[in-house]
Amino acid sequence: MKRFSQHQFFLEVDGIDLEEEERKWRREKAEREKSQGSGPHSLDSIGVARLP
């Protein structure tokens, strides 16, 4: 029986490099935050309806 680490499994079996995927995710998250601003959001800015 062969044992794989999670990283080895995804890389060898699925062809997914988890470290590269994490880098992409962090880069995309930083770009989203930069374009939206990093401050706290009001309820109106995130589309939450207020009751009368």
Protein backbone atom coordinates (compact mmCIF):
# COMPACT_ATOMS: atom_id res chain seq x y z
CA MET A 1 0.00 0.00 0.00
CA LYS A 2 1.28 3.49 -0.85
CA ARG A 3 0.57 6.45 1.43
CA PHE A 4 0.18 9.96 0.06
CA SER A 5 0.26 13.28 1.85
CA GLN A 6 -2.64 15.52 0.95
CA HIS A 7 -0.33 17.61 -1.24
CA GLN A 8 1.06 14.53 -3.01
CA PHE A 9 -2.42 13.08 -3.53
CA PHE A 10 -3.83 16.18 -5.21
CA LEU A 11 -0.70 16.74 -7.26
CA GLU A 12 -0.16 13.16 -8.44
CA VAL A 13 -3.72 11.87 -8.61
CA ASP A 14 -5.71 14.98 -9.57
CA GLY A 15 -2.92 17.12 -11.00
CA ILE A 16 -3.74 19.99 -8.63
CA ASP A 17 -0.91 21.87 -6.89
CA LEU A 18 -2.47 22.98 -3.60
CA GLU A 19 0.23 25.55 -2.94
CA GLU A 20 -0.30 27.18 -6.35
CA GLU A 21 -4.09 27.15 -5.83
CA GLU A 22 -3.62 28.87 -2.47
CA ARG A 23 -1.40 31.54 -4.06
CA LYS A 24 -4.05 32.17 -6.75
CA TRP A 25 -6.81 32.36 -4.14
CA ARG A 26 -4.84 34.84 -1.99
CA ARG A 27 -4.01 36.97 -5.06
CA GLU A 28 -7.66 37.05 -6.18
CA LYS A 29 -8.85 37.83 -2.63
CA ALA A 30 -6.39 40.74 -2.37
CA GLU A 31 -7.58 42.09 -5.74
CA ARG A 32 -11.25 41.84 -4.66
CA GLU A 33 -10.54 43.61 -1.38
CA LYS A 34 -8.55 46.31 -3.17
CA SER A 35 -11.36 46.97 -5.65
CA GLN A 36 -14.08 46.94 -2.97
CA GLY A 37 -12.13 48.71 -0.26
CA SER A 38 -11.04 46.95 2.88
CA GLY A 39 -13.15 48.89 5.39
CA PRO A 40 -16.23 47.56 7.15
CA HIS A 41 -19.35 47.37 5.02
CA SER A 42 -22.66 48.92 5.92
CA LEU A 43 -25.81 46.83 5.58
CA ASP A 44 -26.84 48.89 2.54
CA SER A 45 -23.55 48.23 0.74
CA ILE A 46 -23.95 44.44 0.98
CA GLY A 47 -27.59 44.45 -0.15
CA VAL A 48 -29.36 43.70 3.13
CA ALA A 49 -32.90 45.04 3.19
CA ARG A 50 -33.91 47.16 6.15
CA LEU A 51 -37.29 46.82 7.80
CA PRO A 52 -39.53 49.94 7.89
